[in-house]
C-alpha cells in the first residue's frame, strides 16, 4: 500500500500510449474482428462508411470497457506480475483520468452507433459494456470462481452487434455466434489461468485453478471445449453455413479437442513447464480468428 501511495503522489501526466494501453488493444483486435465478421455475414449490405463507423464504435466500446476495468482493478493489477506495468499501477496515470476516459469513450461509442446505424445495435453495445464492467469486473471477479463463465458473455456480444448494425434485427446465426464465444471463453481463459495461477493467488482473485485446483480446472476445460464444438458446428448442421465452413470448423475443432484432451491429462504443476496449456491458449485465439473468417468467406461464396 505504501508503494501505491508513493506512485499515486508521483505520477506523471499520461501520454497517448498510456490511454491506448487502457483500451487493451490486443484484446480489442479479436473483438473488432468478430464484430466485423458478424457485420459481413449479415444478409443485408451496409454502406461502407456506416459499416466502418459501426466497427469503430465496437472498438471504442471495447476500449471503454477495458479502461473502466483497469480503473476498478488497479489494486489487483498492482499485485500481479503480468499487469503491474499497466498505466495505473505503474503510476503513469491517475485513476480519475482513466475513469473519465472510459466513461466518455463508452457514451460516445453508444451514441455514435445509434445515430449511424440503429438504436437496437447501440443498446446491445451498451449492454456489452455494462456487462463487462458491472457484472464481471465489479460483481463477479472477486467473488466467485465462475466469474469468467458468466462474465464471458461480455466478449460474446461483438458479432451480434455487427449483425444488428447491418440488419436492425436479431437472428439465429448471430445468437449461435454469441453462444460460441461464450462457450469458448472458459477453455481459452482457464488455459491462461493455469500457468499464471500464482499471479491470481497473490492478488486474491478466486479464479478456478486457485479455488478448485488444477485437476478440476483441466476437467472443466475439456467439458466446455465439447460444448463449444457443438456450437461451432451448429451453423453447418442447421443449414446456416455451407461446406467450406463445415470443413474448417470440423478440422479446427478436432485440433482444439486434441489440445484440450492433452491439457486434461496433464499433471504438470509448475506454471513455467505448462507447455500444453500455453499451446492451447495461443491456439484458441487462432481458432476463433480462422473460424469466423471461414464463416464470412462461406457466406459470401454461397451468396
Protein backbone atom coordinates (compact mmCIF):
# COMPACT_ATOMS: atom_id res chain seq x y z
CA UNK A 1 0.00 0.00 0.00
CA UNK A 2 2.90 2.37 0.73
CA UNK A 3 4.39 1.88 -2.71
CA UNK A 4 0.98 2.52 -4.21
CA UNK A 5 0.66 5.78 -2.29
CA UNK A 6 4.11 6.92 -3.38
CA UNK A 7 3.29 6.24 -7.01
CA UNK A 8 -0.06 7.98 -6.66
CA UNK A 9 1.70 11.12 -5.47
CA UNK A 10 4.44 10.96 -8.06
CA UNK A 11 2.51 10.09 -11.21
CA UNK A 12 3.35 12.00 -14.34
CA UNK A 13 0.82 13.14 -16.96
CA UNK A 14 -0.03 10.18 -19.21
CA UNK A 15 0.71 10.27 -22.91
CA UNK A 16 -1.30 8.73 -25.76
CA UNK A 17 0.37 5.34 -25.34
CA UNK A 18 -0.98 5.06 -21.82
CA UNK A 19 -4.50 5.85 -22.95
CA UNK A 20 -4.12 3.30 -25.73
CA UNK A 21 -2.92 0.72 -23.18
CA UNK A 22 -6.08 1.34 -21.16
CA UNK A 23 -8.15 0.06 -24.08
CA UNK A 24 -6.40 -3.36 -24.07
CA UNK A 25 -5.61 -3.26 -27.82
CA UNK A 26 -4.63 -6.94 -28.08
CA UNK A 27 -7.99 -7.99 -26.67
CA UNK A 28 -9.70 -5.39 -28.84
CA UNK A 29 -8.31 -6.91 -32.05
CA UNK A 30 -10.33 -10.10 -31.54
CA UNK A 31 -13.40 -8.12 -30.52
CA UNK A 32 -13.19 -5.96 -33.65
CA UNK A 33 -12.63 -8.96 -35.90
CA UNK A 34 -15.61 -10.94 -34.61
CA UNK A 35 -17.76 -7.81 -34.81
CA UNK A 36 -16.65 -7.26 -38.40
CA UNK A 37 -17.44 -10.88 -39.26
CA UNK A 38 -20.91 -10.52 -37.77
CA UNK A 39 -21.49 -7.45 -39.93
CA UNK A 40 -20.13 -9.07 -43.12
CA UNK A 41 -22.05 -12.32 -42.57
CA UNK A 42 -25.35 -10.45 -42.31
CA UNK A 43 -27.76 -10.85 -45.25
CA UNK A 44 -28.12 -7.09 -45.74
CA UNK A 45 -25.37 -4.93 -47.17
CA UNK A 46 -24.46 -1.79 -45.26
CA UNK A 47 -22.89 1.35 -46.69
CA UNK A 48 -19.10 1.12 -46.28
CA UNK A 49 -18.92 4.37 -44.31
CA UNK A 50 -21.65 3.22 -41.93
CA UNK A 51 -20.04 -0.20 -41.70
CA UNK A 52 -16.70 1.36 -40.80
CA UNK A 53 -18.43 3.54 -38.22
CA UNK A 54 -20.13 0.50 -36.69
CA UNK A 55 -16.82 -1.36 -36.32
CA UNK A 56 -15.17 1.78 -34.94
CA UNK A 57 -17.93 2.01 -32.32
CA UNK A 58 -17.44 -1.65 -31.37
CA UNK A 59 -13.71 -0.94 -30.94
CA UNK A 60 -14.36 2.19 -28.88
CA UNK A 61 -16.91 0.37 -26.74
CA UNK A 62 -14.43 -2.45 -26.09
CA UNK A 63 -11.77 0.14 -25.25
CA UNK A 64 -14.13 1.85 -22.83
CA UNK A 65 -14.82 -1.45 -21.07
CA UNK A 66 -11.08 -2.16 -20.85
CA UNK A 67 -10.35 1.28 -19.41
CA UNK A 68 -13.08 1.01 -16.77
CA UNK A 69 -11.90 -2.49 -15.92
CA UNK A 70 -8.38 -1.19 -15.28
CA UNK A 71 -9.73 1.77 -13.33
CA UNK A 72 -11.63 -0.53 -10.96
CA UNK A 73 -8.94 -3.21 -10.73
CA UNK A 74 -5.85 -1.06 -10.33
CA UNK A 75 -5.26 -2.56 -6.86
CA UNK A 76 -5.32 -6.10 -8.28
CA UNK A 77 -3.15 -5.15 -11.26
CA UNK A 78 -0.50 -3.86 -8.86
CA UNK A 79 -0.20 -7.31 -7.26
CA UNK A 80 0.21 -9.33 -10.46
CA UNK A 81 3.43 -9.56 -12.46
CA UNK A 82 1.75 -9.56 -15.87
CA UNK A 83 -0.34 -6.43 -15.13
CA UNK A 84 1.73 -4.29 -12.77
CA UNK A 85 3.21 -2.25 -15.64
CA UNK A 86 -0.19 -1.02 -16.80
CA UNK A 87 -0.62 2.78 -16.63
CA UNK A 88 -2.42 2.92 -13.27
CA UNK A 89 -0.39 0.51 -11.10
CA UNK A 90 2.82 1.80 -12.70
CA UNK A 91 1.91 5.35 -11.64
CA UNK A 92 1.81 6.82 -15.15
CA UNK A 93 -1.83 7.90 -14.83
CA UNK A 94 -4.23 8.91 -12.07
CA UNK A 95 -7.48 6.99 -11.56
CA UNK A 96 -9.76 9.95 -12.36
CA UNK A 97 -8.26 10.26 -15.84
CA UNK A 98 -8.89 6.56 -16.51
CA UNK A 99 -12.46 6.82 -15.22
CA UNK A 100 -13.31 9.90 -17.29
CA UNK A 101 -11.68 8.41 -20.37
CA UNK A 102 -13.58 5.14 -20.03
CA UNK A 103 -16.98 6.72 -19.38
CA UNK A 104 -16.53 9.27 -22.17
CA UNK A 105 -15.44 6.65 -24.67
CA UNK A 106 -18.34 4.38 -23.75
CA UNK A 107 -21.02 7.06 -24.01
CA UNK A 108 -19.60 8.36 -27.28
CA UNK A 109 -19.45 4.89 -28.87
CA UNK A 110 -23.06 4.06 -27.97
CA UNK A 111 -24.46 7.40 -29.17
CA UNK A 112 -22.47 7.31 -32.40
CA UNK A 113 -23.55 3.73 -33.18
CA UNK A 114 -27.20 4.61 -32.58
CA UNK A 115 -27.04 7.66 -34.82
CA UNK A 116 -25.06 5.92 -37.58
CA UNK A 117 -26.92 2.59 -37.72
CA UNK A 118 -29.81 1.84 -35.35
CA UNK A 119 -30.62 2.07 -31.66
CA UNK A 120 -31.00 -1.68 -31.19
CA UNK A 121 -27.32 -2.11 -32.09
CA UNK A 122 -26.48 0.76 -29.74
CA UNK A 123 -28.47 -0.89 -26.95
CA UNK A 124 -26.60 -4.18 -27.43
CA UNK A 125 -23.27 -2.32 -27.37
CA UNK A 126 -24.28 -0.52 -24.16
CA UNK A 127 -25.30 -3.86 -22.64
CA UNK A 128 -21.93 -5.38 -23.53
CA UNK A 129 -20.01 -2.53 -21.87
CA UNK A 130 -22.16 -2.60 -18.73
CA UNK A 131 -21.97 -6.38 -18.52
CA UNK A 132 -18.19 -6.38 -18.63
CA UNK A 133 -17.77 -3.53 -16.17
CA UNK A 134 -20.63 -4.08 -13.71
CA UNK A 135 -21.40 -7.81 -13.86
CA UNK A 136 -17.92 -9.23 -14.50
CA UNK A 137 -15.47 -6.66 -13.10
CA UNK A 138 -17.37 -5.29 -10.11
CA UNK A 139 -19.68 -8.14 -9.11
CA UNK A 140 -18.23 -11.49 -10.18
CA UNK A 141 -14.45 -11.38 -10.48
CA UNK A 142 -13.61 -11.04 -6.79
CA UNK A 143 -16.48 -13.21 -5.57
CA UNK A 144 -16.74 -16.49 -7.50
CA UNK A 145 -14.56 -18.90 -9.49
CA UNK A 146 -17.35 -18.90 -12.08
CA UNK A 147 -16.51 -15.27 -12.87
CA UNK A 148 -15.14 -15.99 -16.31
CA UNK A 149 -18.02 -18.33 -17.22
CA UNK A 150 -20.76 -15.77 -16.63
CA UNK A 151 -18.59 -12.78 -17.43
CA UNK A 152 -17.59 -14.37 -20.74
CA UNK A 153 -20.88 -13.16 -22.17
CA UNK A 154 -19.38 -9.66 -22.38
CA UNK A 155 -16.92 -10.76 -25.05
CA UNK A 156 -19.59 -12.64 -26.97
CA UNK A 157 -21.58 -9.55 -27.98
CA UNK A 158 -19.49 -8.17 -30.92
CA UNK A 159 -20.76 -10.46 -33.75
CA UNK A 160 -24.30 -9.81 -32.54
CA UNK A 161 -23.66 -6.05 -32.56
CA UNK A 162 -22.19 -6.20 -36.07
CA UNK A 163 -25.15 -8.20 -37.39
CA UNK A 164 -27.75 -5.94 -35.78
CA UNK A 165 -25.94 -2.83 -37.03
CA UNK A 166 -26.35 -4.16 -40.58
CA UNK A 167 -29.87 -5.58 -40.32
CA UNK A 168 -31.58 -3.87 -37.41
CA UNK A 169 -32.78 -7.22 -36.05
CA UNK A 170 -31.68 -10.35 -34.21
CA UNK A 171 -31.40 -13.71 -35.98
CA UNK A 172 -30.43 -17.33 -35.17
CA UNK A 173 -26.92 -17.20 -36.67
CA UNK A 174 -25.53 -14.28 -34.61
CA UNK A 175 -27.09 -15.80 -31.49
CA UNK A 176 -25.20 -19.03 -32.23
CA UNK A 177 -22.01 -16.99 -32.68
CA UNK A 178 -22.73 -15.39 -29.31
CA UNK A 179 -23.05 -18.86 -27.76
CA UNK A 180 -19.87 -20.00 -29.49
CA UNK A 181 -17.74 -17.22 -27.99
CA UNK A 182 -19.48 -17.62 -24.63
CA UNK A 183 -18.51 -21.32 -24.52
CA UNK A 184 -15.05 -20.65 -25.98
CA UNK A 185 -14.13 -18.22 -23.20
CA UNK A 186 -13.71 -20.70 -20.29
CA UNK A 187 -11.23 -23.07 -22.02
CA UNK A 188 -9.40 -20.09 -23.50
CA UNK A 189 -9.12 -18.19 -20.23
CA UNK A 190 -8.63 -21.14 -17.89
CA UNK A 191 -5.71 -22.34 -20.02
CA UNK A 192 -4.13 -18.95 -19.29
CA UNK A 193 -5.18 -19.07 -15.63
CA UNK A 194 -3.40 -22.40 -15.14
CA UNK A 195 0.03 -21.02 -15.96
CA UNK A 196 -0.50 -17.62 -14.31
CA UNK A 197 -2.16 -19.13 -11.23
CA UNK A 198 0.48 -17.68 -8.82
CA UNK A 199 -0.46 -14.19 -10.01
CA UNK A 200 -4.15 -14.70 -9.26
CA UNK A 201 -3.37 -16.35 -5.94
CA UNK A 202 -1.15 -13.42 -4.91
CA UNK A 203 -3.90 -10.95 -5.82
CA UNK A 204 -6.60 -12.96 -4.03
CA UNK A 205 -8.70 -13.41 -7.17
CA UNK A 206 -10.79 -16.62 -6.90
CA UNK A 207 -10.01 -17.99 -10.35
CA UNK A 208 -10.90 -21.66 -10.76
CA UNK A 209 -7.30 -23.02 -10.57
CA UNK A 210 -6.79 -21.12 -7.31
CA UNK A 211 -10.06 -22.19 -5.68
CA UNK A 212 -10.80 -25.65 -7.12
CA UNK A 213 -7.30 -26.74 -8.10
CA UNK A 214 -5.62 -27.63 -11.36
CA UNK A 215 -7.22 -31.05 -11.88
CA UNK A 216 -10.77 -29.70 -11.68
CA UNK A 217 -9.82 -26.82 -13.99
CA UNK A 218 -8.46 -29.25 -16.58
CA UNK A 219 -11.73 -31.23 -16.47
CA UNK A 220 -13.74 -28.06 -16.90
CA UNK A 221 -11.62 -27.03 -19.89
CA UNK A 222 -12.43 -30.32 -21.62
CA UNK A 223 -16.13 -30.11 -20.77
CA UNK A 224 -16.52 -26.58 -22.12
CA UNK A 225 -14.49 -27.49 -25.19
CA UNK A 226 -17.05 -30.18 -26.08
CA UNK A 227 -19.90 -27.70 -25.64
CA UNK A 228 -18.01 -25.10 -27.69
CA UNK A 229 -17.51 -27.57 -30.54
CA UNK A 230 -21.25 -28.25 -30.65
CA UNK A 231 -21.85 -24.51 -31.04
CA UNK A 232 -19.11 -24.23 -33.67
CA UNK A 233 -20.70 -26.96 -35.79
CA UNK A 234 -24.27 -25.72 -35.29
CA UNK A 235 -24.30 -23.23 -38.21
CA UNK A 236 -23.43 -26.02 -40.65
CA UNK A 237 -25.77 -28.56 -39.05
CA UNK A 238 -28.67 -26.07 -39.12
CA UNK A 239 -28.08 -25.06 -42.73
CA UNK A 240 -26.90 -21.55 -41.84
CA UNK A 241 -23.45 -22.14 -43.34
CA UNK A 242 -22.10 -24.29 -46.15
CA UNK A 243 -19.50 -26.96 -46.76
CA UNK A 244 -16.50 -24.64 -46.57
CA UNK A 245 -17.38 -23.52 -43.06
CA UNK A 246 -18.30 -27.08 -42.07
CA UNK A 247 -14.91 -28.40 -43.20
CA UNK A 248 -12.92 -25.64 -41.48
CA UNK A 249 -14.96 -25.90 -38.28
CA UNK A 250 -14.51 -29.67 -38.17
CA UNK A 251 -10.74 -29.58 -38.64
CA UNK A 252 -10.14 -26.66 -36.25
CA UNK A 253 -12.42 -28.15 -33.61
CA UNK A 254 -10.67 -31.52 -33.85
CA UNK A 255 -7.32 -29.84 -33.22
CA UNK A 256 -8.79 -27.83 -30.33
CA UNK A 257 -10.22 -31.01 -28.82
CA UNK A 258 -6.91 -32.84 -29.06
CA UNK A 259 -5.18 -29.96 -27.28
CA UNK A 260 -7.88 -29.83 -24.60
CA UNK A 261 -7.57 -33.59 -24.03
CA UNK A 262 -3.81 -33.17 -23.69
CA UNK A 263 -4.35 -30.44 -21.09
CA UNK A 264 -6.94 -32.53 -19.23
CA UNK A 265 -4.50 -35.45 -18.97
CA UNK A 266 -1.52 -33.33 -17.97
CA UNK A 267 -0.26 -33.49 -14.40
CA UNK A 268 2.30 -30.71 -14.69
CA UNK A 269 2.04 -28.41 -11.67
CA UNK A 270 4.85 -25.93 -12.30
CA UNK A 271 3.49 -22.97 -14.32
CA UNK A 272 6.80 -22.49 -16.15
CA UNK A 273 6.57 -26.03 -17.54
CA UNK A 274 2.95 -25.91 -18.71
CA UNK A 275 3.63 -26.16 -22.44
CA UNK A 276 0.30 -27.82 -23.29
CA UNK A 277 -1.65 -25.08 -21.54
CA UNK A 278 0.28 -22.31 -23.28
CA UNK A 279 -0.23 -24.01 -26.63
CA UNK A 280 -3.99 -24.32 -26.06
CA UNK A 281 -4.23 -20.67 -25.03
CA UNK A 282 -2.42 -19.48 -28.15
CA UNK A 283 -4.31 -21.82 -30.48
CA UNK A 284 -7.67 -20.80 -29.02
CA UNK A 285 -7.12 -17.26 -30.31
CA UNK A 286 -6.16 -18.51 -33.76
CA UNK A 287 -9.16 -20.86 -33.66
CA UNK A 288 -11.64 -18.02 -33.32
CA UNK A 289 -9.97 -15.89 -36.00
CA UNK A 290 -9.95 -18.73 -38.53
CA UNK A 291 -13.45 -19.94 -37.69
CA UNK A 292 -15.07 -16.54 -38.06
CA UNK A 293 -13.05 -15.79 -41.19
CA UNK A 294 -14.23 -19.08 -42.71
CA UNK A 295 -17.82 -18.18 -41.93
CA UNK A 296 -17.58 -14.88 -43.80
CA UNK A 297 -15.91 -16.48 -46.83
CA UNK A 298 -18.52 -19.23 -46.80
CA UNK A 299 -21.45 -16.81 -46.63
CA UNK A 300 -20.02 -14.69 -49.46
CA UNK A 301 -19.22 -17.76 -51.54
CA UNK A 302 -22.74 -19.16 -51.12
CA UNK A 303 -24.23 -15.77 -51.97
